């Protein structure tokens, strides 16, 4: 299914298209999860929530110079789980923060799916972080 972008979405789309190396509209969250985490249950709940959102099934296609939302109801996002072997809390936190900063400064390609990216980082000492990334303001217009 294709849906025409709103005027506000078109403005953001055109800004991103014309400024391919600009990540100013990216939002990256990094949250530390305190306490023991049941990773499989968290994955199940997180994926159920994300895959219920229409925005998780969208990318942008252009036909005859007009951008559209390409909605594919069959798309399923998966939470990537990255398991670090670090036992040193400080070293693990430093690595995870570096990844989040890299993601924050990397522009999102609106033509590629998924537009929402999710990762769970965990280490040997049961310390976990979850991060997600999306284009701010763009999804507020959906």
Protein backbone atom coordinates (compact mmCIF):
# COMPACT_ATOMS: atom_id res chain seq x y z
CA UNK A 1 0.00 0.00 0.00
CA UNK A 2 1.27 3.47 -0.85
CA UNK A 3 0.23 6.61 1.01
CA UNK A 4 1.12 10.15 -0.06
CA UNK A 5 3.25 12.10 2.41
CA UNK A 6 1.76 15.07 4.23
CA UNK A 7 3.19 18.52 3.47
CA UNK A 8 5.16 18.44 6.74
CA UNK A 9 6.59 15.01 5.89
CA UNK A 10 7.49 16.16 2.40
CA UNK A 11 9.47 19.08 3.85
CA UNK A 12 11.45 16.78 6.13
CA UNK A 13 11.88 14.22 3.34
CA UNK A 14 13.23 16.92 1.00
CA UNK A 15 15.56 18.29 3.68
CA UNK A 16 16.98 14.80 4.30
CA UNK A 17 17.20 14.07 0.55
CA UNK A 18 19.10 17.31 -0.10
CA UNK A 19 21.32 16.94 3.00
CA UNK A 20 22.27 13.24 2.85
CA UNK A 21 25.12 13.60 5.36
CA UNK A 22 23.07 15.56 7.90
CA UNK A 23 21.80 13.51 10.84
CA UNK A 24 20.20 16.40 12.70
CA UNK A 25 16.76 14.78 12.50
CA UNK A 26 17.99 11.49 13.97
CA UNK A 27 16.96 10.59 17.47
CA UNK A 28 18.88 7.86 19.25
CA UNK A 29 17.88 6.68 22.69
CA UNK A 30 20.15 4.76 24.99
CA UNK A 31 18.60 3.39 28.16
CA UNK A 32 20.29 1.38 30.87
CA UNK A 33 18.16 -1.44 32.19
CA UNK A 34 18.68 -1.93 35.90
CA UNK A 35 18.29 -5.33 37.51
CA UNK A 36 18.17 -8.77 35.98
CA UNK A 37 16.59 -8.94 32.56
CA UNK A 38 14.70 -11.86 31.05
CA UNK A 39 16.02 -11.25 27.53
CA UNK A 40 13.62 -13.58 25.71
CA UNK A 41 10.57 -12.08 27.43
CA UNK A 42 11.83 -8.55 26.80
CA UNK A 43 12.42 -9.40 23.12
CA UNK A 44 8.92 -10.87 22.81
CA UNK A 45 7.24 -7.83 24.41
CA UNK A 46 9.38 -5.25 22.59
CA UNK A 47 8.85 -6.85 19.17
CA UNK A 48 5.11 -7.21 19.83
CA UNK A 49 4.86 -3.52 20.67
CA UNK A 50 7.02 -2.29 17.79
CA UNK A 51 5.38 -4.52 15.20
CA UNK A 52 1.94 -3.23 16.20
CA UNK A 53 3.00 0.26 15.05
CA UNK A 54 2.30 1.24 11.45
CA UNK A 55 5.51 3.26 11.31
CA UNK A 56 7.49 0.04 11.81
CA UNK A 57 6.24 -1.20 8.44
CA UNK A 58 7.11 1.86 6.34
CA UNK A 59 9.84 3.11 4.07
CA UNK A 60 9.73 5.83 1.40
CA UNK A 61 9.46 5.15 -2.32
CA UNK A 62 9.49 7.76 -5.07
CA UNK A 63 7.35 7.39 -8.16
CA UNK A 64 7.31 10.05 -10.85
CA UNK A 65 9.19 12.37 -8.46
CA UNK A 66 6.50 12.04 -5.77
CA UNK A 67 7.50 10.43 -2.44
CA UNK A 68 5.11 7.93 -0.85
CA UNK A 69 4.99 5.82 2.29
CA UNK A 70 5.45 2.23 1.22
CA UNK A 71 3.49 0.29 3.85
CA UNK A 72 4.07 -3.46 3.98
CA UNK A 73 1.88 -5.10 6.63
CA UNK A 74 4.00 -8.28 6.48
CA UNK A 75 7.18 -6.58 7.69
CA UNK A 76 8.40 -7.61 11.12
CA UNK A 77 11.09 -5.75 13.04
CA UNK A 78 13.38 -7.81 15.23
CA UNK A 79 15.29 -6.67 18.26
CA UNK A 80 18.97 -7.28 17.61
CA UNK A 81 20.70 -8.65 20.67
CA UNK A 82 24.42 -7.93 20.90
CA UNK A 83 26.22 -9.88 23.57
CA UNK A 84 29.52 -8.40 24.75
CA UNK A 85 31.87 -10.54 26.78
CA UNK A 86 33.10 -7.57 28.83
CA UNK A 87 32.99 -8.13 32.55
CA UNK A 88 34.32 -4.63 33.21
CA UNK A 89 31.30 -2.35 33.60
CA UNK A 90 33.16 0.82 32.60
CA UNK A 91 34.57 -0.73 29.42
CA UNK A 92 31.14 -2.05 28.45
CA UNK A 93 29.47 1.31 29.07
CA UNK A 94 32.13 3.06 27.01
CA UNK A 95 31.58 0.69 24.04
CA UNK A 96 27.81 1.04 24.17
CA UNK A 97 27.95 4.83 24.38
CA UNK A 98 30.35 4.91 21.41
CA UNK A 99 27.90 2.82 19.37
CA UNK A 100 25.01 5.11 20.32
CA UNK A 101 27.02 8.20 19.36
CA UNK A 102 27.94 6.64 16.02
CA UNK A 103 24.30 5.79 15.32
CA UNK A 104 23.22 9.30 16.31
CA UNK A 105 25.59 10.82 13.74
CA UNK A 106 24.75 8.38 10.92
CA UNK A 107 21.91 9.60 8.68
CA UNK A 108 18.97 7.25 8.17
CA UNK A 109 18.19 6.29 4.58
CA UNK A 110 14.43 6.81 4.27
CA UNK A 111 14.25 4.58 1.19
CA UNK A 112 15.45 1.52 3.10
CA UNK A 113 13.51 -0.51 5.59
CA UNK A 114 13.54 -0.58 8.59
CA UNK A 115 13.35 3.10 9.43
CA UNK A 116 13.25 2.18 13.11
CA UNK A 117 16.26 0.31 14.45
CA UNK A 118 16.44 -1.45 17.80
CA UNK A 119 19.32 -3.13 19.59
CA UNK A 120 19.83 -4.63 23.02
CA UNK A 121 23.40 -4.71 24.34
CA UNK A 122 24.26 -6.96 27.22
CA UNK A 123 27.43 -8.08 28.95
CA UNK A 124 28.62 -10.95 31.11
CA UNK A 125 27.65 -9.11 34.30
CA UNK A 126 23.96 -8.84 33.33
CA UNK A 127 24.19 -5.14 32.58
CA UNK A 128 21.95 -4.26 29.64
CA UNK A 129 21.26 -1.26 27.43
CA UNK A 130 18.61 -0.82 24.79
CA UNK A 131 18.87 1.68 21.98
CA UNK A 132 16.56 2.76 19.23
CA UNK A 133 16.90 5.25 16.42
CA UNK A 134 14.44 7.05 14.20
CA UNK A 135 13.92 10.34 12.37
CA UNK A 136 12.38 12.86 14.74
CA UNK A 137 9.39 14.95 13.71
CA UNK A 138 8.88 12.74 10.66
CA UNK A 139 6.90 10.14 12.57
CA UNK A 140 5.03 12.73 14.58
CA UNK A 141 3.39 13.63 11.27
CA UNK A 142 2.08 10.13 10.46
